[in-house]
């Protein structure tokens, strides 16, 4: 059952219960009030008849010492005739509680008569057919006799009014329930519309339309829920986009890795087969072995860098204070034998908080890329300086540069701007990808500025404990 119908059903049940209970109590209250008045009137009428009976008995000639039965019958007939049109019935009984005078239609039930004793007034409600009566009885002492006086007062109208009240109230309640149900139906539609919109949005998203958003039509709790749902949908869409990009990147990584393996392996297998199957002169033998060695070194370099990337993605590092001059000395030693380009290194004295071996790998890869991008005689500048945020490194060359549309991709694994030049120098497109992962562990990132034909400048800042995490 829909939530809308549940609200509507429980509203109708609650209203029906409330109307029914309140109507029952109200009609019964009115009935009880009318019945109490009728009882008081019936008892007053019985009291008046007592007085009339005593007065009539005193007016009878004292021919006998005691009141005769025939005199009681005559008094009863006179009392009944005086009350014609009032719906009053009476019964007079002697000391033995035997009837001396009974009005036509008076009840045959003598249970009330048996309960009457001296100085007591008893009453009860009696039903005869479709009529209701208040039966009242008392004992009257007249001329040394005990006479039991019973009256029946017709209160059928009181009970008819109660039945009419219930009938009218049932009809009124039914009309109120129907009109209230109709009004509540439209109210429930309005109240549950945000839920319907959310359900529709959820269904759309389940079908794959992650750009669909639920319409916010209120500012209450449901409106806030809609806003939160849309925020969650935005985050979900962004996350799915990132996952798609990551999956695409992994597929590209695998494809590039397979391609990068194929090229050197083809050369290695070809030249190895040439050495195995033919007798070559010394020069061709050297060239073939050199090709095998060169491609093997490229495979070795690529495998080591891949391993480094995998390790940096999984490990946590512990930084330690290192003097910046250590990195300067390391770079000068590593590239001391290079005679084609000039390396200029200048580091301000300062303390770097890093894992020393990983940071050496970052600087080595950046400087190596700068050498590969520079023509013979080119200058590569490596500098370091203290800043408010930490220690800043910069590697700058004046080589071929990187096109603007390529800048975002150069940090992806196996991506190379100039593949022929990179492969000729044992490049595999993994250096910058490794640098990005290492700097991520150090809570830093690369900033690359490049102009085609003018060169490239790459810098990053290693935060100190007071300014970084």
Protein backbone atom coordinates (compact mmCIF):
# COMPACT_ATOMS: atom_id res chain seq x y z
CA UNK A 1 0.00 0.00 0.00
CA UNK A 2 1.29 3.44 -0.93
CA UNK A 3 2.35 5.77 1.85
CA UNK A 4 -0.31 8.26 0.71
CA UNK A 5 -3.09 5.72 1.22
CA UNK A 6 -1.66 4.66 4.56
CA UNK A 7 -1.82 8.25 5.81
CA UNK A 8 -5.35 8.63 4.40
CA UNK A 9 -6.54 5.34 5.89
CA UNK A 10 -5.17 6.00 9.36
CA UNK A 11 -6.55 9.55 9.27
CA UNK A 12 -10.03 8.24 8.44
CA UNK A 13 -9.77 5.54 11.15
CA UNK A 14 -8.67 8.13 13.71
CA UNK A 15 -11.42 10.57 12.73
CA UNK A 16 -14.08 7.84 12.66
CA UNK A 17 -13.01 6.69 16.13
CA UNK A 18 -12.97 10.26 17.44
CA UNK A 19 -16.36 11.13 15.86
CA UNK A 20 -17.92 7.85 17.00
CA UNK A 21 -16.70 8.09 20.58
CA UNK A 22 -17.51 11.79 20.95
CA UNK A 23 -20.93 11.29 19.30
CA UNK A 24 -21.73 8.35 21.58
CA UNK A 25 -20.74 10.30 24.68
CA UNK A 26 -22.62 13.42 23.56
CA UNK A 27 -25.89 11.67 22.65
CA UNK A 28 -25.74 9.57 25.80
CA UNK A 29 -25.12 12.70 27.87
CA UNK A 30 -28.17 14.39 26.37
CA UNK A 31 -30.21 11.22 26.84
CA UNK A 32 -29.13 10.78 30.45
CA UNK A 33 -29.96 14.41 31.23
CA UNK A 34 -33.45 14.03 29.71
CA UNK A 35 -33.97 10.72 31.50
CA UNK A 36 -32.93 12.22 34.85
CA UNK A 37 -35.51 14.97 34.36
CA UNK A 38 -38.14 12.38 33.46
CA UNK A 39 -37.29 10.33 36.58
CA UNK A 40 -37.55 13.42 38.76
CA UNK A 41 -40.89 14.23 37.17
CA UNK A 42 -42.15 10.66 37.63
CA UNK A 43 -41.14 10.66 41.30
CA UNK A 44 -42.75 14.05 41.81
CA UNK A 45 -45.92 12.74 40.18
CA UNK A 46 -45.85 9.70 42.46
CA UNK A 47 -45.46 11.99 45.47
CA UNK A 48 -48.43 14.08 44.34
CA UNK A 49 -50.53 10.93 43.97
CA UNK A 50 -49.55 9.91 47.52
CA UNK A 51 -50.89 13.21 48.80
CA UNK A 52 -54.02 12.88 46.64
CA UNK A 53 -54.58 9.34 47.92
CA UNK A 54 -54.31 10.42 51.54
CA UNK A 55 -56.63 13.41 50.95
CA UNK A 56 -59.21 11.27 49.16
CA UNK A 57 -59.15 8.69 51.94
CA UNK A 58 -59.83 11.38 54.56
CA UNK A 59 -62.83 12.66 52.59
CA UNK A 60 -64.57 9.29 52.55
CA UNK A 61 -67.43 9.05 55.16
CA UNK A 62 -66.26 7.15 58.27
CA UNK A 63 -68.80 4.42 58.04
CA UNK A 64 -66.14 1.89 58.83
CA UNK A 65 -63.18 1.91 61.16
CA UNK A 66 -60.76 1.02 58.36
CA UNK A 67 -60.59 1.96 54.71
CA UNK A 68 -62.48 -0.63 52.66
CA UNK A 69 -61.10 -2.24 49.49
CA UNK A 70 -63.98 -0.87 47.46
CA UNK A 71 -63.10 2.62 48.64
CA UNK A 72 -59.49 2.08 47.50
CA UNK A 73 -60.77 0.97 44.09
CA UNK A 74 -62.95 4.05 43.80
CA UNK A 75 -60.05 6.35 44.81
CA UNK A 76 -57.82 4.63 42.21
CA UNK A 77 -60.41 5.16 39.46
CA UNK A 78 -60.73 8.83 40.42
CA UNK A 79 -56.95 9.29 40.42
CA UNK A 80 -56.64 7.66 37.02
CA UNK A 81 -59.43 9.75 35.50
CA UNK A 82 -57.80 12.92 36.79
CA UNK A 83 -54.58 12.01 35.02
CA UNK A 84 -56.00 11.18 31.61
CA UNK A 85 -53.86 12.47 28.77
CA UNK A 86 -50.66 12.39 30.81
CA UNK A 87 -49.77 8.80 29.90
CA UNK A 88 -49.79 7.88 33.58
CA UNK A 89 -50.81 4.42 34.81
CA UNK A 90 -51.21 3.29 38.41
CA UNK A 91 -51.70 0.26 40.59
CA UNK A 92 -52.97 0.09 44.18
CA UNK A 93 -52.27 -2.98 46.31
CA UNK A 94 -53.27 -4.01 49.87
CA UNK A 95 -51.11 -5.09 52.77
CA UNK A 96 -50.65 -8.52 51.22
CA UNK A 97 -49.49 -6.80 48.01
CA UNK A 98 -52.56 -8.03 46.17
CA UNK A 99 -53.82 -5.65 43.52
CA UNK A 100 -56.95 -3.66 44.43
CA UNK A 101 -56.90 -1.41 41.40
CA UNK A 102 -54.84 -1.69 38.22
CA UNK A 103 -54.87 0.63 35.21
CA UNK A 104 -55.27 -1.00 31.84
CA UNK A 105 -51.80 -1.61 30.35
CA UNK A 106 -50.01 -1.60 33.69
CA UNK A 107 -47.15 -4.11 33.79
CA UNK A 108 -47.68 -7.56 35.28
CA UNK A 109 -44.18 -7.50 36.70
CA UNK A 110 -44.32 -7.33 40.51
CA UNK A 111 -40.56 -7.28 41.20
CA UNK A 112 -40.62 -3.60 42.16
CA UNK A 113 -43.70 -4.16 44.36
CA UNK A 114 -41.88 -6.84 46.32
CA UNK A 115 -38.99 -4.45 47.03
CA UNK A 116 -41.18 -1.68 48.47
CA UNK A 117 -41.10 -1.34 52.24
CA UNK A 118 -42.13 1.32 54.72
CA UNK A 119 -40.80 4.85 54.14
CA UNK A 120 -39.11 3.89 50.85
CA UNK A 121 -39.56 5.04 47.29
CA UNK A 122 -38.46 2.61 44.58
CA UNK A 123 -38.30 3.08 40.83
CA UNK A 124 -37.18 1.28 37.69
CA UNK A 125 -37.42 1.55 33.92
CA UNK A 126 -39.82 -0.89 32.31
CA UNK A 127 -40.17 -1.72 28.63
CA UNK A 128 -43.46 -2.92 27.22
CA UNK A 129 -43.37 -3.54 23.49
CA UNK A 130 -42.10 -0.36 21.88
CA UNK A 131 -42.83 1.81 24.93
CA UNK A 132 -40.67 2.69 27.90
CA UNK A 133 -42.01 3.62 31.36
CA UNK A 134 -40.60 4.79 34.66
CA UNK A 135 -42.25 2.64 37.30
CA UNK A 136 -42.23 4.16 40.80
CA UNK A 137 -43.70 2.67 43.97
CA UNK A 138 -44.15 3.56 47.62
CA UNK A 139 -46.20 2.57 50.66
CA UNK A 140 -48.92 4.95 51.94
CA UNK A 141 -50.56 4.78 55.44
CA UNK A 142 -54.24 5.77 55.19
CA UNK A 143 -56.81 5.22 57.92
CA UNK A 144 -54.79 2.52 59.63
CA UNK A 145 -54.20 0.70 56.36
CA UNK A 146 -51.05 0.18 54.32
CA UNK A 147 -51.67 0.76 50.65
CA UNK A 148 -48.95 0.27 48.02
CA UNK A 149 -49.04 2.91 45.32
CA UNK A 150 -47.28 2.26 42.01
CA UNK A 151 -47.21 4.57 39.00
CA UNK A 152 -45.95 4.16 35.45
CA UNK A 153 -44.83 7.30 33.63
CA UNK A 154 -44.39 7.04 29.83
CA UNK A 155 -40.85 8.10 28.80
CA UNK A 156 -40.87 6.55 25.32
CA UNK A 157 -40.15 9.95 23.77
CA UNK A 158 -36.86 10.21 25.66
CA UNK A 159 -35.67 6.89 24.21
CA UNK A 160 -36.95 7.82 20.75
CA UNK A 161 -34.97 11.05 20.92
CA UNK A 162 -31.87 9.08 21.82
CA UNK A 163 -32.36 6.75 18.84
CA UNK A 164 -33.00 9.77 16.61
CA UNK A 165 -29.87 11.45 17.98
CA UNK A 166 -27.74 8.40 17.13
CA UNK A 167 -29.29 8.19 13.67
CA UNK A 168 -28.68 11.87 12.91
CA UNK A 169 -25.17 11.73 14.33
CA UNK A 170 -24.33 8.67 12.20
CA UNK A 171 -25.42 10.51 9.06
CA UNK A 172 -23.57 13.66 10.05
CA UNK A 173 -20.47 11.61 10.89
CA UNK A 174 -20.64 9.83 7.54
CA UNK A 175 -20.88 13.14 5.68
CA UNK A 176 -18.03 14.61 7.73
CA UNK A 177 -15.87 11.54 7.14
CA UNK A 178 -16.46 11.61 3.39
CA UNK A 179 -15.74 15.33 3.11
CA UNK A 180 -12.74 15.03 5.45
CA UNK A 181 -11.43 12.05 3.48
CA UNK A 182 -11.67 14.06 0.26
CA UNK A 183 -9.88 17.04 1.81
CA UNK A 184 -7.25 14.80 3.42
CA UNK A 185 -6.70 13.05 0.09
CA UNK A 186 -5.58 16.30 -1.53
CA UNK A 187 -3.60 17.25 1.57
CA UNK A 188 -1.85 13.86 1.53
CA UNK A 189 -1.06 14.27 -2.15
CA UNK A 190 0.51 17.62 -1.36
CA UNK A 191 2.40 16.31 1.67
CA UNK A 192 3.71 13.18 -0.05
CA UNK A 193 4.61 14.84 -3.35
CA UNK A 194 8.26 15.33 -2.25
CA UNK A 195 8.40 11.60 -1.44
CA UNK A 196 6.97 10.78 -4.89
CA UNK A 197 9.53 13.04 -6.51
CA UNK A 198 12.32 11.39 -4.51
CA UNK A 199 11.04 7.94 -5.48
CA UNK A 200 11.01 9.00 -9.14
CA UNK A 201 14.53 10.39 -8.87
CA UNK A 202 15.72 7.19 -7.21
CA UNK A 203 14.16 5.12 -10.00
CA UNK A 204 15.80 7.31 -12.65
CA UNK A 205 19.17 6.91 -10.97
CA UNK A 206 18.64 3.16 -10.66
CA UNK A 207 18.10 3.11 -14.43
CA UNK A 208 21.46 4.82 -14.93
CA UNK A 209 20.46 8.48 -15.28
CA UNK A 210 22.81 9.85 -12.62
CA UNK A 211 22.32 13.44 -13.78
CA UNK A 212 18.63 13.43 -12.77
CA UNK A 213 17.75 15.49 -9.67
CA UNK A 214 14.61 15.59 -7.54
CA UNK A 215 12.63 18.82 -7.55
CA UNK A 216 12.55 20.59 -4.18
CA UNK A 217 9.04 21.99 -3.57
CA UNK A 218 9.11 22.71 0.17
CA UNK A 219 11.39 24.01 2.90
CA UNK A 220 10.36 21.57 5.64
CA UNK A 221 12.02 18.30 6.64
CA UNK A 222 11.05 16.66 3.34
CA UNK A 223 12.48 19.62 1.49
CA UNK A 224 15.71 19.22 3.45
CA UNK A 225 15.67 15.50 2.64
CA UNK A 226 15.31 16.36 -1.07
CA UNK A 227 18.23 18.78 -0.84
CA UNK A 228 20.36 16.16 0.93
CA UNK A 229 19.36 13.57 -1.68
CA UNK A 230 20.42 15.89 -4.50
CA UNK A 231 23.70 16.60 -2.72
CA UNK A 232 24.25 12.87 -2.34
CA UNK A 233 23.43 12.42 -6.05
CA UNK A 234 26.00 15.10 -6.96
CA UNK A 235 28.66 13.35 -4.91
CA UNK A 236 27.66 9.99 -6.38
CA UNK A 237 27.83 11.34 -9.93
CA UNK A 238 31.23 12.87 -9.26
CA UNK A 239 32.45 9.62 -7.68
CA UNK A 240 31.18 7.58 -10.62
CA UNK A 241 32.88 9.99 -13.00
CA UNK A 242 36.11 9.59 -11.09
CA UNK A 243 35.72 5.80 -11.13
CA UNK A 244 35.11 5.86 -14.89
CA UNK A 245 38.20 8.02 -15.35
CA UNK A 246 40.18 5.68 -13.12
CA UNK A 247 38.98 2.62 -15.02
CA UNK A 248 39.78 4.33 -18.32
CA UNK A 249 43.19 5.31 -16.97
CA UNK A 250 43.88 1.74 -15.88
CA UNK A 251 42.85 0.44 -19.28
CA UNK A 252 45.10 2.99 -20.96
CA UNK A 253 47.86 2.05 -18.50
CA UNK A 254 47.55 -1.65 -19.36
CA UNK A 255 47.43 -0.90 -23.09
CA UNK A 256 50.45 1.40 -22.86
CA UNK A 257 52.32 -1.10 -20.68
CA UNK A 258 51.68 -3.88 -23.17
CA UNK A 259 52.82 -1.65 -26.01
CA UNK A 260 55.93 -0.56 -24.13
CA UNK A 261 56.81 -4.18 -23.45
CA UNK A 262 56.23 -5.21 -27.05
CA UNK A 263 58.66 -2.76 -28.61
CA UNK A 264 61.85 -3.65 -26.63
CA UNK A 265 60.97 -7.35 -26.52
CA UNK A 266 60.57 -7.41 -30.29
CA UNK A 267 63.99 -5.81 -30.70
CA UNK A 268 65.58 -8.10 -28.11
CA UNK A 269 64.09 -11.26 -29.64
CA UNK A 270 64.97 -10.14 -33.19
CA UNK A 271 68.59 -9.31 -32.48
CA UNK A 272 69.02 -12.38 -30.25
CA UNK A 273 67.68 -14.56 -33.06
CA UNK A 274 70.07 -12.81 -35.47
CA UNK A 275 73.02 -13.56 -33.19
CA UNK A 276 71.88 -17.17 -32.79
CA UNK A 277 71.14 -17.97 -36.43
CA UNK A 278 73.88 -16.14 -38.32
CA UNK A 279 77.60 -15.68 -38.28
CA UNK A 280 78.11 -11.89 -38.04
CA UNK A 281 81.20 -9.80 -38.32
CA UNK A 282 82.50 -8.05 -35.24
CA UNK A 283 80.82 -4.70 -35.95
CA UNK A 284 77.35 -6.17 -36.59
CA UNK A 285 77.79 -8.48 -33.61
CA UNK A 286 78.54 -5.47 -31.39
CA UNK A 287 75.59 -3.46 -32.76
CA UNK A 288 73.18 -6.37 -32.19
CA UNK A 289 74.43 -6.96 -28.66
CA UNK A 290 74.21 -3.21 -28.00
CA UNK A 291 70.59 -3.10 -29.15
CA UNK A 292 69.80 -6.03 -26.84
CA UNK A 293 71.60 -4.32 -23.95
CA UNK A 294 69.94 -0.94 -24.57
CA UNK A 295 66.41 -2.35 -24.81
CA UNK A 296 67.05 -4.59 -21.81
CA UNK A 297 68.13 -1.58 -19.76
CA UNK A 298 64.97 0.23 -20.84
CA UNK A 299 62.89 -2.73 -19.66
CA UNK A 300 64.82 -2.80 -16.39
CA UNK A 301 64.33 0.93 -15.86
CA UNK A 302 60.63 0.66 -16.65
CA UNK A 303 60.12 -2.29 -14.27
CA UNK A 304 61.93 -0.52 -11.42
CA UNK A 305 59.85 2.61 -11.86
CA UNK A 306 56.63 0.62 -12.04
CA UNK A 307 57.60 -1.12 -8.83
CA UNK A 308 58.31 2.25 -7.21
CA UNK A 309 54.86 3.55 -8.24
CA UNK A 310 53.16 0.47 -6.81
CA UNK A 311 55.09 0.75 -3.56
CA UNK A 312 54.33 4.46 -3.14
CA UNK A 313 50.60 3.81 -3.62
CA UNK A 314 50.58 1.35 -0.74
CA UNK A 315 53.12 2.60 1.80
CA UNK A 316 53.10 5.26 4.49
CA UNK A 317 56.31 7.20 4.92
CA UNK A 318 58.05 8.77 7.86
CA UNK A 319 59.65 12.11 7.06
CA UNK A 320 62.84 13.29 8.72
CA UNK A 321 64.79 16.57 8.64
CA UNK A 322 67.39 16.60 5.86
CA UNK A 323 69.77 19.43 4.91
CA UNK A 324 69.03 20.74 1.41
CA UNK A 325 72.72 20.68 0.46
CA UNK A 326 72.60 16.86 0.51
CA UNK A 327 70.27 16.87 -2.51
CA UNK A 328 72.44 19.40 -4.32
CA UNK A 329 75.51 17.25 -3.87
CA UNK A 330 73.59 14.15 -4.98
CA UNK A 331 72.46 15.73 -8.26
CA UNK A 332 75.92 17.08 -9.05
CA UNK A 333 77.45 13.63 -8.53
CA UNK A 334 74.78 11.84 -10.60
CA UNK A 335 75.12 14.10 -13.64
CA UNK A 336 78.82 14.92 -13.38
CA UNK A 337 79.63 12.82 -16.45
CA UNK A 338 77.15 14.59 -18.73
CA UNK A 339 79.05 16.73 -21.25
CA UNK A 340 76.21 17.59 -23.65
CA UNK A 341 74.23 19.92 -21.33
CA UNK A 342 75.16 22.15 -18.42
CA UNK A 343 73.61 21.54 -14.96
CA UNK A 344 73.42 24.51 -12.61
CA UNK A 345 72.47 23.72 -9.01
CA UNK A 346 71.81 26.32 -6.29
CA UNK A 347 70.10 25.43 -3.00
CA UNK A 348 69.64 27.89 -0.15
CA UNK A 349 70.72 26.47 3.20
CA UNK A 350 67.69 25.00 4.84
CA UNK A 351 66.02 21.93 6.29
CA UNK A 352 63.79 19.66 4.19
CA UNK A 353 61.32 17.30 5.88
CA UNK A 354 61.17 14.25 3.62
CA UNK A 355 62.05 10.63 3.10
CA UNK A 356 65.51 11.15 1.63
CA UNK A 357 65.63 8.28 -0.87
CA UNK A 358 62.20 8.99 -2.31
CA UNK A 359 62.99 12.68 -2.65
CA UNK A 360 66.26 11.88 -4.43
CA UNK A 361 64.21 9.82 -6.89
CA UNK A 362 61.87 12.81 -7.51
CA UNK A 363 64.74 15.21 -8.21
CA UNK A 364 66.57 12.62 -10.30
CA UNK A 365 63.55 12.00 -12.51
CA UNK A 366 62.80 15.71 -12.95
CA UNK A 367 66.40 16.57 -13.86
CA UNK A 368 66.62 13.51 -16.15
CA UNK A 369 63.49 14.67 -18.01
CA UNK A 370 64.98 18.15 -18.29
CA UNK A 371 68.13 16.71 -19.88
CA UNK A 372 66.04 14.67 -22.34
CA UNK A 373 64.06 17.75 -23.32
CA UNK A 374 67.16 19.92 -23.84
CA UNK A 375 69.31 20.14 -26.94
CA UNK A 376 73.08 19.70 -26.72
CA UNK A 377 74.57 22.74 -25.00
CA UNK A 378 71.35 23.46 -23.14
CA UNK A 379 71.21 24.65 -19.57
CA UNK A 380 69.24 22.96 -16.75
CA UNK A 381 68.74 24.97 -13.57
CA UNK A 382 67.89 23.32 -10.26
CA UNK A 383 67.23 25.56 -7.27
CA UNK A 384 65.85 25.43 -3.75
CA UNK A 385 64.71 28.17 -1.39
CA UNK A 386 63.00 28.64 1.94
CA UNK A 387 59.37 29.90 1.92
CA UNK A 388 56.64 30.48 4.48
CA UNK A 389 54.99 27.21 3.43
CA UNK A 390 58.12 25.06 3.49
CA UNK A 391 61.13 24.37 1.27
CA UNK A 392 60.50 24.99 -2.46
CA UNK A 393 62.30 23.09 -5.26
CA UNK A 394 62.42 24.17 -8.90
CA UNK A 395 63.74 22.41 -12.01
CA UNK A 396 63.91 24.55 -15.16
CA UNK A 397 65.08 23.81 -18.68
CA UNK A 398 65.19 25.74 -21.95
CA UNK A 399 64.31 22.83 -24.19
CA UNK A 400 61.48 21.84 -26.51
CA UNK A 401 58.67 22.59 -24.03
CA UNK A 402 55.29 20.90 -23.65
CA UNK A 403 52.15 21.88 -25.63
CA UNK A 404 49.40 23.33 -23.47
CA UNK A 405 46.96 20.55 -24.37
CA UNK A 406 49.50 17.96 -23.17
CA UNK A 407 50.20 19.46 -19.73
CA UNK A 408 47.35 17.66 -17.97
CA UNK A 409 48.41 14.26 -19.33
CA UNK A 410 52.16 14.31 -18.78
CA UNK A 411 51.83 12.95 -15.23
CA UNK A 412 49.94 9.86 -16.41
CA UNK A 413 51.86 6.60 -16.49
CA UNK A 414 53.36 5.75 -19.92
CA UNK A 415 52.35 9.09 -21.40
CA UNK A 416 55.12 10.63 -23.52
CA UNK A 417 54.91 13.89 -25.45
CA UNK A 418 57.57 12.78 -27.93
CA UNK A 419 57.61 8.98 -27.95
CA UNK A 420 60.47 8.55 -30.43
CA UNK A 421 62.78 10.86 -28.49
CA UNK A 422 61.83 9.30 -25.14
CA UNK A 423 62.44 5.77 -26.32
CA UNK A 424 65.74 6.71 -27.88
CA UNK A 425 66.86 7.75 -24.40
CA UNK A 426 65.40 4.74 -22.58
CA UNK A 427 62.31 6.67 -21.49
CA UNK A 428 59.02 4.93 -20.73
CA UNK A 429 56.80 7.80 -19.58
CA UNK A 430 56.88 6.77 -15.91
CA UNK A 431 59.11 9.42 -14.36
CA UNK A 432 56.53 12.15 -13.72
CA UNK A 433 53.90 9.58 -12.64
CA UNK A 434 56.35 8.33 -10.02
CA UNK A 435 57.09 11.91 -8.90
CA UNK A 436 53.37 12.61 -8.44
CA UNK A 437 52.92 9.57 -6.19
CA UNK A 438 55.98 10.34 -4.09
CA UNK A 439 54.95 13.97 -3.61
CA UNK A 440 51.44 12.84 -2.67
CA UNK A 441 52.97 10.90 0.22
CA UNK A 442 54.74 14.13 1.21
CA UNK A 443 51.48 16.15 1.00
CA UNK A 444 52.78 18.10 -1.97
CA UNK A 445 52.15 18.29 -5.72
CA UNK A 446 53.84 19.29 -8.97
CA UNK A 447 53.25 22.66 -10.62
CA UNK A 448 54.22 22.65 -14.30
CA UNK A 449 54.60 25.71 -16.55
CA UNK A 450 55.78 25.22 -20.10
CA UNK A 451 55.97 27.01 -23.43
CA UNK A 452 56.71 25.19 -26.66
CA UNK A 453 60.19 26.07 -27.93
CA UNK A 454 61.11 27.99 -24.78
CA UNK A 455 61.32 25.33 -22.08
CA UNK A 456 59.62 23.96 -18.97
CA UNK A 457 59.62 24.94 -15.30
CA UNK A 458 58.51 22.41 -12.65
CA UNK A 459 58.32 23.29 -8.96
CA UNK A 460 56.92 21.87 -5.73
CA UNK A 461 57.00 22.72 -2.02
CA UNK A 462 57.72 20.26 0.76
CA UNK A 463 55.79 21.54 3.80
CA UNK A 464 57.40 21.72 7.18
CA UNK A 465 55.55 20.24 10.20
CA UNK A 466 54.24 23.67 11.28
CA UNK A 467 52.69 24.45 7.87
CA UNK A 468 51.62 21.04 6.62
CA UNK A 469 50.41 17.68 7.77
